Amino acid sequence: MANLKEIRNRIASVSSTMQITSAMKMVSAAKLKKAQDAITAMRPYSDKLTELIQNLSNSIDGDTQNPFTVKRTIQNVLIIAITSNRGLCGGFNSSVIKEVTKKVETTYANKNVSILTLGKKGNDILQKSFSVVENNNEIFDQLTFSSASKIAEGFMSAFTSKEYDTIEVVYNRFKNAATQIVTTETLLPIISTQDENTTTSTDYIFEPTQESIVDELLPKSIKMQLFKALRDSFASEHGARMTAMHKATDNATDLRDQLKLTYNQARQASITNEILEIVGGAEALNS
């Protein structure tokens, strides 16, 4: 009977875990819908702004150079790692941490690399091995463009003061609820990527001047690029957590069913033994 009691306790424990994971799955599904709508609505604006910046950068005079487009010999590097504040989301955080570690140890092996973490999980791991100059765990408590702008203004100022020669961001780009793509983007300097196969160019009328418009749009583009990465990561987090909790719920259901089968088999064996003992006792009395 002690064995049966142990199995009953395990069944109750697994059932309780299954209820928790199922509830977390539904909560993440609700949050995912809102986050997915936000990043889906934001991408067309962000893509169009990036296209506009590229066209302006390609058409600007060669002797005019914005501080955010200056290319320097890469010696000091800042990597912005975007993770989450909470776990239970599969390989969401570990994939970003692995990519950052790979970049520090291979791509920038002989460089001075500093890391800015956005998210508690990334900060907890990366600060043990690398130089984390700043971390911001509260950014996801109220994810707005103004909060992202404050962070962007900090590293933009550091770039223009030549504290860093290049700044990159590593995050999970949202594709769907089950797929998140680890992505690395260069925030600074802004690199003009003119397609050689593209011969068409956009003719702009600048008012007041081309330089003033570029000076106005470049900082906004950098802030928007960081905000989009944060939105992408936020949606990816809820998608990864929903998928992980869905798998956990399925595994708990299978385990519970197996335990119930084991319990029934053990109970049947116990009843059979009791019947055999009664029959054996009756036969002994009759004889």
Foldseek 3Di string as FASTA:
>chain_A
DVVLVVLVVVLVVLVVVLVVLVVLLVVLVVVLVVLVVVLVVLVVVLVVLLVVLLQLVVPDDPVDDDLQQDADDFAEEEEEEEAAQDDLQPCFRVVSLVVVVCCCCPVVVRHHYEYEYEYDVSCVPQVVPHHHPYYHPCCVVDPDLVSLLVVLVVVVVCSSVVVGRWYKYWHWADDDLADTHTDIDTLGNDDRDDDPVDPDHDDDDDPPDSSVVSNVSSSVSSSSVSSSRNSRRSSNRSSSNSVSSVVSSVVSVVVSVVSVVVSVVVVVVVVVVVVVVVVVVVVVVVD
